[in-house]
C-alpha atoms as a PDB file:
ATOM      1  CA  MET A   1      95.948  64.423 110.590  1.00  0.00           C
ATOM      2  CA  ARG A   2      95.420  65.472 114.174  1.00  0.00           C
ATOM      3  CA  VAL A   3      91.741  66.226 114.840  1.00  0.00           C
ATOM      4  CA  VAL A   4      91.006  67.948 118.140  1.00  0.00           C
ATOM      5  CA  VAL A   5      87.416  67.940 119.394  1.00  0.00           C
ATOM      6  CA  ALA A   6      86.955  70.778 121.893  1.00  0.00           C
ATOM      7  CA  ILE A   7      83.235  71.053 122.684  1.00  0.00           C
ATOM      8  CA  HIS A   8      82.577  71.062 126.391  1.00  0.00           C
ATOM      9  CA  ASP A   9      80.396  73.855 127.777  1.00  0.00           C
ATOM     10  CA  LEU A  10      78.219  72.407 130.511  1.00  0.00           C
ATOM     11  CA  PRO A  11      75.458  71.581 131.003  1.00  0.00           C
ATOM     12  CA  VAL A  12      74.215  70.898 127.447  1.00  0.00           C
ATOM     13  CA  TRP A  13      76.745  72.286 124.975  1.00  0.00           C
ATOM     14  CA  THR A  14      79.045  69.332 125.461  1.00  0.00           C
ATOM     15  CA  ILE A  15      79.585  66.552 122.958  1.00  0.00           C
ATOM     16  CA  PRO A  16      78.959  63.068 124.391  1.00  0.00           C
ATOM     17  CA  PRO A  17      82.098  60.903 124.636  1.00  0.00           C
ATOM     18  CA  ALA A  18      80.334  58.278 122.504  1.00  0.00           C
ATOM     19  CA  GLU A  19      80.140  60.759 119.632  1.00  0.00           C
ATOM     20  CA  VAL A  20      83.863  61.488 119.931  1.00  0.00           C
ATOM     21  CA  ASP A  21      84.460  57.728 119.820  1.00  0.00           C
ATOM     22  CA  ARG A  22      82.312  57.568 116.681  1.00  0.00           C
ATOM     23  CA  ILE A  23      84.476  60.226 115.051  1.00  0.00           C
ATOM     24  CA  ALA A  24      87.607  58.274 115.964  1.00  0.00           C
ATOM     25  CA  SER A  25      86.121  55.056 114.552  1.00  0.00           C
ATOM     26  CA  ALA A  26      85.191  56.819 111.311  1.00  0.00           C
ATOM     27  CA  LEU A  27      88.701  58.303 110.981  1.00  0.00           C
ATOM     28  CA  PRO A  28      91.015  55.352 111.709  1.00  0.00           C
ATOM     29  CA  ASP A  29      93.944  56.951 109.884  1.00  0.00           C
ATOM     30  CA  ASP A  30      93.740  60.173 111.907  1.00  0.00           C
ATOM     31  CA  GLU A  31      94.531  60.993 115.511  1.00  0.00           C
ATOM     32  CA  VAL A  32      91.310  62.128 117.194  1.00  0.00           C
ATOM     33  CA  LEU A  33      91.738  63.820 120.577  1.00  0.00           C
ATOM     34  CA  ASP A  34      89.042  64.958 123.005  1.00  0.00           C
ATOM     35  CA  ALA A  35      89.953  68.250 124.725  1.00  0.00           C
ATOM     36  CA  ARG A  36      87.368  68.725 127.459  1.00  0.00           C
ATOM     37  CA  GLU A  37      89.085  70.594 130.248  1.00  0.00           C
ATOM     38  CA  ALA A  38      91.041  73.858 130.154  1.00  0.00           C
ATOM     39  CA  ASP A  39      94.428  72.147 130.465  1.00  0.00           C
ATOM     40  CA  ALA A  40      93.659  69.772 127.603  1.00  0.00           C
ATOM     41  CA  ARG A  41      92.428  72.632 125.426  1.00  0.00           C
ATOM     42  CA  ARG A  42      95.570  74.622 126.157  1.00  0.00           C
ATOM     43  CA  GLU A  43      97.799  71.664 125.328  1.00  0.00           C
ATOM     44  CA  LEU A  44      96.016  70.087 122.373  1.00  0.00           C
ATOM     45  CA  MET A  45      94.265  72.829 120.400  1.00  0.00           C
ATOM     46  CA  PRO A  46      97.457  74.547 119.192  1.00  0.00           C
ATOM     47  CA  THR A  47      98.621  71.174 117.822  1.00  0.00           C
ATOM     48  CA  ALA A  48      95.524  70.504 115.698  1.00  0.00           C
ATOM     49  CA  ASP A  49      95.322  70.251 111.931  1.00  0.00           C
ATOM     50  CA  VAL A  50      91.535  70.244 112.222  1.00  0.00           C
ATOM     51  CA  LEU A  51      89.488  71.746 115.057  1.00  0.00           C
ATOM     52  CA  PHE A  52      85.906  70.763 115.848  1.00  0.00           C
ATOM     53  CA  ALA A  53      84.820  73.390 118.376  1.00  0.00           C
ATOM     54  CA  THR A  54      82.373  76.146 119.314  1.00  0.00           C
ATOM     55  CA  ARG A  55      84.788  78.724 120.738  1.00  0.00           C
ATOM     56  CA  ILE A  56      88.466  79.532 120.652  1.00  0.00           C
ATOM     57  CA  ARG A  57      90.879  81.862 122.428  1.00  0.00           C
ATOM     58  CA  ALA A  58      94.018  83.403 120.984  1.00  0.00           C
ATOM     59  CA  HIS A  59      96.379  81.162 122.973  1.00  0.00           C
ATOM     60  CA  GLU A  60      94.570  78.069 121.630  1.00  0.00           C
ATOM     61  CA  PHE A  61      95.097  78.935 117.972  1.00  0.00           C
ATOM     62  CA  VAL A  62      98.245  78.459 115.871  1.00  0.00           C
ATOM     63  CA  PRO A  63      97.550  79.727 112.342  1.00  0.00           C
ATOM     64  CA  SER A  64     100.561  77.958 110.882  1.00  0.00           C
ATOM     65  CA  ARG A  65      99.182  74.585 112.044  1.00  0.00           C
ATOM     66  CA  VAL A  66      95.380  74.454 111.917  1.00  0.00           C
ATOM     67  CA  ARG A  67      93.876  74.335 108.433  1.00  0.00           C
ATOM     68  CA  TRP A  68      90.158  74.076 109.100  1.00  0.00           C
ATOM     69  CA  ILE A  69      87.794  74.787 111.988  1.00  0.00           C
ATOM     70  CA  HIS A  70      84.262  73.411 112.077  1.00  0.00           C
ATOM     71  CA  SER A  71      81.672  74.820 114.476  1.00  0.00           C
ATOM     72  CA  SER A  72      79.245  72.437 116.131  1.00  0.00           C
ATOM     73  CA  ALA A  73      76.704  75.274 116.135  1.00  0.00           C
ATOM     74  CA  VAL A  74      75.211  77.601 113.550  1.00  0.00           C
ATOM     75  CA  GLY A  75      76.742  80.667 115.156  1.00  0.00           C
ATOM     76  CA  VAL A  76      80.483  81.177 114.784  1.00  0.00           C
ATOM     77  CA  GLY A  77      80.987  84.430 116.678  1.00  0.00           C
ATOM     78  CA  ALA A  78      82.956  82.744 119.457  1.00  0.00           C
ATOM     79  CA  LEU A  79      85.343  81.281 116.884  1.00  0.00           C
ATOM     80  CA  LEU A  80      85.991  84.427 114.875  1.00  0.00           C
ATOM     81  CA  ILE A  81      88.699  85.999 116.995  1.00  0.00           C
ATOM     82  CA  PRO A  82      90.888  88.447 115.021  1.00  0.00           C
ATOM     83  CA  GLU A  83      93.661  85.868 114.702  1.00  0.00           C
ATOM     84  CA  VAL A  84      91.275  83.438 112.974  1.00  0.00           C
ATOM     85  CA  VAL A  85      89.704  86.083 110.736  1.00  0.00           C
ATOM     86  CA  GLU A  86      93.096  87.322 109.516  1.00  0.00           C
ATOM     87  CA  SER A  87      94.455  83.818 108.908  1.00  0.00           C
ATOM     88  CA  PRO A  88      93.936  81.571 105.860  1.00  0.00           C
ATOM     89  CA  VAL A  89      92.172  78.936 107.986  1.00  0.00           C
ATOM     90  CA  VAL A  90      88.786  77.810 106.631  1.00  0.00           C
ATOM     91  CA  VAL A  91      85.799  78.009 109.000  1.00  0.00           C
ATOM     92  CA  SER A  92      82.553  76.080 108.479  1.00  0.00           C
ATOM     93  CA  CYS A  93      79.455  75.674 110.626  1.00  0.00           C
ATOM     94  CA  SER A  94      76.516  73.370 111.298  1.00  0.00           C
ATOM     95  CA  ARG A  95      73.920  75.566 109.616  1.00  0.00           C
ATOM     96  CA  GLY A  96      70.746  73.756 108.607  1.00  0.00           C
ATOM     97  CA  VAL A  97      71.170  70.736 110.863  1.00  0.00           C
ATOM     98  CA  HIS A  98      68.611  71.886 113.428  1.00  0.00           C
ATOM     99  CA  SER A  99      66.682  74.435 111.379  1.00  0.00           C
ATOM    100  CA  GLU A 100      63.429  72.516 111.589  1.00  0.00           C
ATOM    101  CA  ALA A 101      63.506  72.318 115.390  1.00  0.00           C
ATOM    102  CA  ILE A 102      64.409  76.003 115.783  1.00  0.00           C
ATOM    103  CA  ALA A 103      61.733  77.142 113.334  1.00  0.00           C
ATOM    104  CA  GLU A 104      59.129  75.010 115.113  1.00  0.00           C
ATOM    105  CA  HIS A 105      60.173  76.578 118.414  1.00  0.00           C
ATOM    106  CA  ALA A 106      59.752  80.076 116.978  1.00  0.00           C
ATOM    107  CA  ILE A 107      56.258  79.269 115.715  1.00  0.00           C
ATOM    108  CA  ALA A 108      55.360  77.661 119.046  1.00  0.00           C
ATOM    109  CA  LEU A 109      56.449  80.740 121.011  1.00  0.00           C
ATOM    110  CA  ALA A 110      54.475  83.012 118.707  1.00  0.00           C
ATOM    111  CA  LEU A 111      51.286  80.950 118.911  1.00  0.00           C
ATOM    112  CA  ALA A 112      51.554  80.516 122.671  1.00  0.00           C
ATOM    113  CA  LEU A 113      51.877  84.257 123.232  1.00  0.00           C
ATOM    114  CA  ARG A 114      49.123  85.118 120.766  1.00  0.00           C
ATOM    115  CA  ARG A 115      46.721  82.664 122.451  1.00  0.00           C
ATOM    116  CA  ASN A 116      47.780  83.787 125.972  1.00  0.00           C
ATOM    117  CA  LEU A 117      49.006  80.337 126.981  1.00  0.00           C
ATOM    118  CA  HIS A 118      51.771  82.016 128.987  1.00  0.00           C
ATOM    119  CA  LEU A 119      48.979  83.388 131.212  1.00  0.00           C
ATOM    120  CA  ALA A 120      46.937  80.182 131.270  1.00  0.00           C
ATOM    121  CA  VAL A 121      49.831  78.156 132.754  1.00  0.00           C
ATOM    122  CA  PRO A 122      50.164  80.101 136.049  1.00  0.00           C
ATOM    123  CA  ARG A 123      46.374  80.226 136.355  1.00  0.00           C
ATOM    124  CA  GLN A 124      46.343  76.446 136.027  1.00  0.00           C
ATOM    125  CA  ALA A 125      49.035  76.135 138.702  1.00  0.00           C
ATOM    126  CA  ALA A 126      46.906  78.308 140.999  1.00  0.00           C
ATOM    127  CA  ARG A 127      43.722  76.341 140.104  1.00  0.00           C
ATOM    128  CA  ILE A 128      42.036  79.491 138.841  1.00  0.00           C
ATOM    129  CA  TRP A 129      39.326  79.111 136.199  1.00  0.00           C
ATOM    130  CA  ALA A 130      40.408  82.207 134.233  1.00  0.00           C
ATOM    131  CA  GLN A 131      37.761  81.995 131.539  1.00  0.00           C
ATOM    132  CA  ASP A 132      36.590  85.571 131.964  1.00  0.00           C
ATOM    133  CA  GLU A 133      40.098  87.017 132.054  1.00  0.00           C
ATOM    134  CA  LEU A 134      41.382  85.158 128.994  1.00  0.00           C
ATOM    135  CA  SER A 135      38.228  85.428 126.910  1.00  0.00           C
ATOM    136  CA  ARG A 136      38.402  89.230 127.069  1.00  0.00           C
ATOM    137  CA  ARG A 137      41.913  89.360 125.600  1.00  0.00           C
ATOM    138  CA  ARG A 138      41.730  90.219 121.914  1.00  0.00           C
ATOM    139  CA  VAL A 139      43.491  87.798 119.553  1.00  0.00           C
ATOM    140  CA  LYS A 140      43.857  88.270 115.816  1.00  0.00           C
ATOM    141  CA  THR A 141      43.134  85.314 113.602  1.00  0.00           C
ATOM    142  CA  LEU A 142      46.119  83.953 111.694  1.00  0.00           C
ATOM    143  CA  SER A 143      44.636  85.100 108.389  1.00  0.00           C
ATOM    144  CA  ALA A 144      44.679  88.665 109.721  1.00  0.00           C
ATOM    145  CA  THR A 145      48.238  88.395 111.082  1.00  0.00           C
ATOM    146  CA  HIS A 146      51.302  89.912 109.419  1.00  0.00           C
ATOM    147  CA  LEU A 147      54.500  87.961 110.122  1.00  0.00           C
ATOM    148  CA  LEU A 148      57.898  89.611 109.656  1.00  0.00           C
ATOM    149  CA  VAL A 149      60.886  87.264 109.482  1.00  0.00           C
ATOM    150  CA  VAL A 150      64.225  89.044 109.911  1.00  0.00           C
ATOM    151  CA  GLY A 151      66.809  86.797 108.300  1.00  0.00           C
ATOM    152  CA  LEU A 152      65.815  84.329 105.582  1.00  0.00           C
ATOM    153  CA  GLY A 153      68.426  81.627 106.004  1.00  0.00           C
ATOM    154  CA  THR A 154      67.527  77.994 106.606  1.00  0.00           C
ATOM    155  CA  ILE A 155      65.692  78.807 109.837  1.00  0.00           C
ATOM    156  CA  GLY A 156      63.934  81.950 108.674  1.00  0.00           C
ATOM    157  CA  ALA A 157      62.815  80.318 105.436  1.00  0.00           C
ATOM    158  CA  ARG A 158      61.121  77.522 107.384  1.00  0.00           C
ATOM    159  CA  VAL A 159      59.437  79.988 109.743  1.00  0.00           C
ATOM    160  CA  ALA A 160      58.176  81.923 106.738  1.00  0.00           C
ATOM    161  CA  ALA A 161      56.862  78.834 104.934  1.00  0.00           C
ATOM    162  CA  TRP A 162      55.029  77.539 107.998  1.00  0.00           C
ATOM    163  CA  GLY A 163      53.650  80.942 108.839  1.00  0.00           C
ATOM    164  CA  ALA A 164      52.270  81.284 105.325  1.00  0.00           C
ATOM    165  CA  ALA A 165      50.857  77.751 105.440  1.00  0.00           C
ATOM    166  CA  MET A 166      48.869  78.760 108.524  1.00  0.00           C
ATOM    167  CA  GLY A 167      47.463  81.756 106.697  1.00  0.00           C
ATOM    168  CA  MET A 168      49.724  84.601 107.764  1.00  0.00           C
ATOM    169  CA  GLN A 169      50.947  87.271 105.381  1.00  0.00           C
ATOM    170  CA  VAL A 170      54.743  87.042 105.421  1.00  0.00           C
ATOM    171  CA  THR A 171      57.407  89.671 104.780  1.00  0.00           C
ATOM    172  CA  GLY A 172      61.124  88.950 104.973  1.00  0.00           C
ATOM    173  CA  ILE A 173      64.204  91.055 105.616  1.00  0.00           C
ATOM    174  CA  ARG A 174      67.537  90.115 104.081  1.00  0.00           C
ATOM    175  CA  LYS A 175      70.483  91.690 102.306  1.00  0.00           C
ATOM    176  CA  ARG A 176      70.104  89.817  99.018  1.00  0.00           C
ATOM    177  CA  VAL A 177      66.724  91.152  97.979  1.00  0.00           C
ATOM    178  CA  SER A 178      67.228  90.202  94.314  1.00  0.00           C
ATOM    179  CA  GLU A 179      67.198  86.470  95.058  1.00  0.00           C
ATOM    180  CA  THR A 180      64.007  84.444  94.659  1.00  0.00           C
ATOM    181  CA  PRO A 181      61.949  84.763  97.858  1.00  0.00           C
ATOM    182  CA  PRO A 182      61.543  81.620  99.975  1.00  0.00           C
ATOM    183  CA  GLN A 183      58.232  79.793  99.857  1.00  0.00           C
ATOM    184  CA  GLY A 184      55.415  81.799 101.401  1.00  0.00           C
ATOM    185  CA  VAL A 185      57.191  85.165 101.480  1.00  0.00           C
ATOM    186  CA  THR A 186      55.134  87.804  99.679  1.00  0.00           C
ATOM    187  CA  SER A 187      57.767  90.542  99.819  1.00  0.00           C
ATOM    188  CA  VAL A 188      61.446  90.870 100.704  1.00  0.00           C
ATOM    189  CA  LEU A 189      62.901  94.137 101.992  1.00  0.00           C
ATOM    190  CA  PRO A 190      66.507  95.178 102.614  1.00  0.00           C
ATOM    191  CA  PRO A 191      67.783  95.830 106.168  1.00  0.00           C
ATOM    192  CA  GLU A 192      67.466  99.576 105.537  1.00  0.00           C
ATOM    193  CA  ARG A 193      63.672  99.107 105.463  1.00  0.00           C
ATOM    194  CA  LEU A 194      63.512  97.292 108.806  1.00  0.00           C
ATOM    195  CA  ARG A 195      61.651 100.026 110.677  1.00  0.00           C
ATOM    196  CA  ASP A 196      59.068 100.324 107.898  1.00  0.00           C
ATOM    197  CA  ALA A 197      58.501  96.570 108.041  1.00  0.00           C
ATOM    198  CA  LEU A 198      58.295  96.548 111.836  1.00  0.00           C
ATOM    199  CA  ALA A 199      55.494  99.110 111.754  1.00  0.00           C
ATOM    200  CA  ASP A 200      53.257  96.711 109.801  1.00  0.00           C
ATOM    201  CA  ALA A 201      54.101  93.495 111.669  1.00  0.00           C
ATOM    202  CA  ASP A 202      51.996  91.659 114.240  1.00  0.00           C
ATOM    203  CA  VAL A 203      54.654  89.013 114.875  1.00  0.00           C
ATOM    204  CA  VAL A 204      58.392  89.575 114.392  1.00  0.00           C
ATOM    205  CA  VAL A 205      60.784  86.610 114.353  1.00  0.00           C
ATOM    206  CA  LEU A 206      64.542  87.176 114.565  1.00  0.00           C
ATOM    207  CA  ALA A 207      66.418  84.431 112.712  1.00  0.00           C
ATOM    208  CA  LEU A 208      69.724  85.997 111.724  1.00  0.00           C
ATOM    209  CA  PRO A 209      73.330  85.658 112.916  1.00  0.00           C
ATOM    210  CA  ARG A 210      75.047  87.895 115.428  1.00  0.00           C
ATOM    211  CA  THR A 211      77.576  90.125 113.686  1.00  0.00           C
ATOM    212  CA  GLU A 212      78.848  93.630 114.257  1.00  0.00           C
ATOM    213  CA  GLU A 213      76.135  94.839 111.871  1.00  0.00           C
ATOM    214  CA  THR A 214      73.325  93.051 113.715  1.00  0.00           C
ATOM    215  CA  ARG A 215      74.381  93.833 117.296  1.00  0.00           C
ATOM    216  CA  ALA A 216      71.429  95.571 119.027  1.00  0.00           C
ATOM    217  CA  LEU A 217      69.542  95.460 115.730  1.00  0.00           C
ATOM    218  CA  ILE A 218      66.320  95.814 117.706  1.00  0.00           C
ATOM    219  CA  GLY A 219      66.805  98.909 119.836  1.00  0.00           C
ATOM    220  CA  ARG A 220      64.709 101.708 121.237  1.00  0.00           C
ATOM    221  CA  ALA A 221      63.854 103.192 117.824  1.00  0.00           C
ATOM    222  CA  GLU A 222      62.917  99.831 116.329  1.00  0.00           C
ATOM    223  CA  LEU A 223      60.756  98.913 119.316  1.00  0.00           C
ATOM    224  CA  GLY A 224      59.128 102.315 119.054  1.00  0.00           C
ATOM    225  CA  ALA A 225      58.228 101.582 115.442  1.00  0.00           C
ATOM    226  CA  MET A 226      56.352  98.397 116.363  1.00  0.00           C
ATOM    227  CA  LYS A 227      52.655  98.139 117.118  1.00  0.00           C
ATOM    228  CA  PRO A 228      51.826  98.122 120.851  1.00  0.00           C
ATOM    229  CA  THR A 229      50.146  94.759 120.265  1.00  0.00           C
ATOM    230  CA  ALA A 230      53.060  93.204 118.353  1.00  0.00           C
ATOM    231  CA  ILE A 231      54.979  90.146 119.554  1.00  0.00           C
ATOM    232  CA  LEU A 232      58.761  89.807 119.260  1.00  0.00           C
ATOM    233  CA  ILE A 233      60.312  86.323 118.994  1.00  0.00           C
ATOM    234  CA  ASN A 234      64.057  85.718 119.268  1.00  0.00           C
ATOM    235  CA  VAL A 235      65.421  82.235 118.482  1.00  0.00           C
ATOM    236  CA  ALA A 236      68.763  83.560 117.282  1.00  0.00           C
ATOM    237  CA  ARG A 237      71.219  85.446 119.501  1.00  0.00           C
ATOM    238  CA  GLY A 238      70.577  87.579 122.573  1.00  0.00           C
ATOM    239  CA  ARG A 239      72.787  90.454 121.494  1.00  0.00           C
ATOM    240  CA  LEU A 240      70.507  91.143 118.528  1.00  0.00           C
ATOM    241  CA  ILE A 241      68.292  93.017 121.003  1.00  0.00           C
ATOM    242  CA  ASP A 242      68.951  96.019 123.212  1.00  0.00           C
ATOM    243  CA  GLU A 243      67.609  94.217 126.276  1.00  0.00           C
ATOM    244  CA  PRO A 244      67.134  97.257 128.551  1.00  0.00           C
ATOM    245  CA  ALA A 245      65.128  98.922 125.774  1.00  0.00           C
ATOM    246  CA  LEU A 246      63.003  95.790 125.344  1.00  0.00           C
ATOM    247  CA  ILE A 247      62.387  95.522 129.087  1.00  0.00           C
ATOM    248  CA  GLY A 248      61.307  99.157 129.153  1.00  0.00           C
ATOM    249  CA  ALA A 249      58.905  98.682 126.238  1.00  0.00           C
ATOM    250  CA  LEU A 250      57.367  95.578 127.804  1.00  0.00           C
ATOM    251  CA  GLN A 251      57.007  97.189 131.236  1.00  0.00           C
ATOM    252  CA  ALA A 252      55.347 100.251 129.734  1.00  0.00           C
ATOM    253  CA  GLY A 253      52.926  98.214 127.638  1.00  0.00           C
ATOM    254  CA  ARG A 254      54.389  99.506 124.380  1.00  0.00           C
ATOM    255  CA  LEU A 255      54.754  95.944 123.096  1.00  0.00           C
ATOM    256  CA  GLY A 256      52.339  93.050 123.244  1.00  0.00           C
ATOM    257  CA  GLY A 257      54.861  90.437 124.345  1.00  0.00           C
ATOM    258  CA  ALA A 258      58.137  88.674 123.708  1.00  0.00           C
ATOM    259  CA  GLY A 259      59.139  85.041 123.311  1.00  0.00           C
ATOM    260  CA  LEU A 260      62.845  84.782 124.078  1.00  0.00           C
ATOM    261  CA  ASP A 261      65.137  81.782 123.678  1.00  0.00           C
ATOM    262  CA  ALA A 262      68.461  83.667 123.703  1.00  0.00           C
ATOM    263  CA  PHE A 263      69.892  86.356 125.948  1.00  0.00           C
ATOM    264  CA  SER A 264      72.949  88.583 126.118  1.00  0.00           C
ATOM    265  CA  HIS A 265      74.093  86.818 129.273  1.00  0.00           C
ATOM    266  CA  GLU A 266      73.388  83.137 129.802  1.00  0.00           C
ATOM    267  CA  PRO A 267      72.223  81.622 132.029  1.00  0.00           C
ATOM    268  CA  LEU A 268      69.802  84.509 132.426  1.00  0.00           C
ATOM    269  CA  PRO A 269      70.608  86.130 135.801  1.00  0.00           C
ATOM    270  CA  ALA A 270      68.058  85.510 138.529  1.00  0.00           C
ATOM    271  CA  ASP A 271      67.527  89.245 138.996  1.00  0.00           C
ATOM    272  CA  SER A 272      66.656  89.889 135.351  1.00  0.00           C
ATOM    273  CA  PRO A 273      63.274  91.658 134.974  1.00  0.00           C
ATOM    274  CA  PHE A 274      62.468  89.262 132.130  1.00  0.00           C
ATOM    275  CA  TRP A 275      61.647  86.528 134.654  1.00  0.00           C
ATOM    276  CA  THR A 276      58.722  88.388 136.179  1.00  0.00           C
ATOM    277  CA  LEU A 277      57.268  90.252 133.209  1.00  0.00           C
ATOM    278  CA  PRO A 278      53.753  88.876 132.575  1.00  0.00           C
ATOM    279  CA  ASN A 279      54.041  89.407 128.810  1.00  0.00           C
ATOM    280  CA  VAL A 280      57.248  87.389 128.356  1.00  0.00           C
ATOM    281  CA  LEU A 281      57.680  83.690 127.600  1.00  0.00           C
ATOM    282  CA  ILE A 282      61.206  82.419 128.307  1.00  0.00           C
ATOM    283  CA  THR A 283      62.908  79.237 127.110  1.00  0.00           C
ATOM    284  CA  PRO A 284      66.535  78.581 128.157  1.00  0.00           C
ATOM    285  CA  HIS A 285      68.257  78.567 124.751  1.00  0.00           C
ATOM    286  CA  THR A 286      66.749  75.202 123.864  1.00  0.00           C
ATOM    287  CA  ALA A 287      65.182  75.883 120.458  1.00  0.00           C
ATOM    288  CA  ALA A 288      67.697  73.639 118.680  1.00  0.00           C
ATOM    289  CA  PHE A 289      67.174  70.673 120.981  1.00  0.00           C
ATOM    290  CA  ALA A 290      64.778  67.915 119.999  1.00  0.00           C
ATOM    291  CA  GLY A 291      66.446  64.926 121.653  1.00  0.00           C
ATOM    292  CA  ASP A 292      69.017  64.248 118.939  1.00  0.00           C
ATOM    293  CA  TYR A 293      71.275  67.300 118.826  1.00  0.00           C
ATOM    294  CA  TRP A 294      74.685  65.667 118.452  1.00  0.00           C
ATOM    295  CA  PRO A 295      74.371  62.773 115.939  1.00  0.00           C
ATOM    296  CA  PRO A 296      73.439  64.969 112.928  1.00  0.00           C
ATOM    297  CA  VAL A 297      76.101  67.540 113.887  1.00  0.00           C
ATOM    298  CA  VAL A 298      78.735  64.803 113.908  1.00  0.00           C
ATOM    299  CA  ASP A 299      77.372  63.400 110.638  1.00  0.00           C
ATOM    300  CA  LEU A 300      77.902  66.796 109.003  1.00  0.00           C
ATOM    301  CA  PHE A 301      81.407  67.095 110.432  1.00  0.00           C
ATOM    302  CA  LEU A 302      82.327  63.644 109.091  1.00  0.00           C
ATOM    303  CA  GLU A 303      80.914  64.502 105.660  1.00  0.00           C
ATOM    304  CA  ASN A 304      82.991  67.673 105.645  1.00  0.00           C
ATOM    305  CA  MET A 305      86.022  65.717 106.840  1.00  0.00           C
ATOM    306  CA  ALA A 306      85.704  63.434 103.819  1.00  0.00           C
ATOM    307  CA  ARG A 307      85.398  66.459 101.538  1.00  0.00           C
ATOM    308  CA  PHE A 308      88.383  68.118 103.211  1.00  0.00           C
ATOM    309  CA  ARG A 309      90.515  65.033 102.636  1.00  0.00           C
ATOM    310  CA  ARG A 310      89.502  64.924  98.960  1.00  0.00           C
ATOM    311  CA  GLY A 311      90.117  68.632  98.460  1.00  0.00           C
ATOM    312  CA  GLN A 312      86.426  69.310  97.709  1.00  0.00           C
ATOM    313  CA  ASP A 313      84.353  72.310  98.717  1.00  0.00           C
ATOM    314  CA  LEU A 314      83.109  72.080 102.296  1.00  0.00           C
ATOM    315  CA  ILE A 315      79.483  72.414 103.323  1.00  0.00           C
ATOM    316  CA  ASN A 316      78.559  75.666 105.107  1.00  0.00           C
ATOM    317  CA  VAL A 317      81.804  77.578 104.659  1.00  0.00           C
ATOM    318  CA  VAL A 318      81.646  80.844 106.607  1.00  0.00           C
ATOM    319  CA  ASP A 319      82.576  84.263 105.283  1.00  0.00           C
ATOM    320  CA  LYS A 320      84.810  85.179 108.215  1.00  0.00           C
ATOM    321  CA  ARG A 321      84.496  88.910 107.672  1.00  0.00           C
ATOM    322  CA  LEU A 322      80.723  88.859 107.402  1.00  0.00           C
ATOM    323  CA  GLY A 323      80.447  86.447 110.327  1.00  0.00           C
ATOM    324  CA  TYR A 324      78.141  83.859 108.708  1.00  0.00           C
END
């Protein structure tokens, strides 16, 4: 089989050549090709039996040739062009590989904002002993904090379990409310109850995929339903939030703060108001990174490659119409 690896979005979303070599060594009977530049993508991707990629364009896809596409990320939105969705090609993703790192990042953002560490850092840089300022800022104890996790997949379930372990009351939002709740979740509500759940939450963590249904899931009305002291954490996708509405709420003091790891446009433009808002903590879409991003992703791809060759069910097959 011809396996085309097309993962090269600088500076960090690019597979190391050594990992491509490892794939080739593990698949000695297959032709493994590394398509890094636009010309190589244009030439090689339409000839693939198997694609290992994070995005695809219509001219790079030949439905009569490719049989399976595996995403090196959890999100598959950039792969699900209409031509792929309407074709019989199987799509799988790397869900679960970096769930622990992303969940830890979400918890870290929430705790940092709650304890005003985002304010302590610039005071430290300015050599200001801000004891009086910070000691007057009211902080709920964890046992008095209500955590809402929107999306209870592998990431959301970990956030919920760790939040509960620290003493928070945890509510989850997901479509399949009849399933057994993840560890630590005291109640599960359907998406239709999102605004009700937001009204009770002190910390809201977004951990769900970007689909047509979830685009701008958190908009003006949802932000208006939240407590003025609540904190919003996004470790998922930027387009889950109506960013102008969020900026307006933060500027007006209608929201306690936001910890944001994903944005509608990345890199975040230098003129974005998010940079200068004192109640915002920004990380540059790095929640999944813990120093070892690529080896476990490649391990999963190779496991799926073995299953694909044997005709077995693949791990993390995506419902192309649902988008996850």
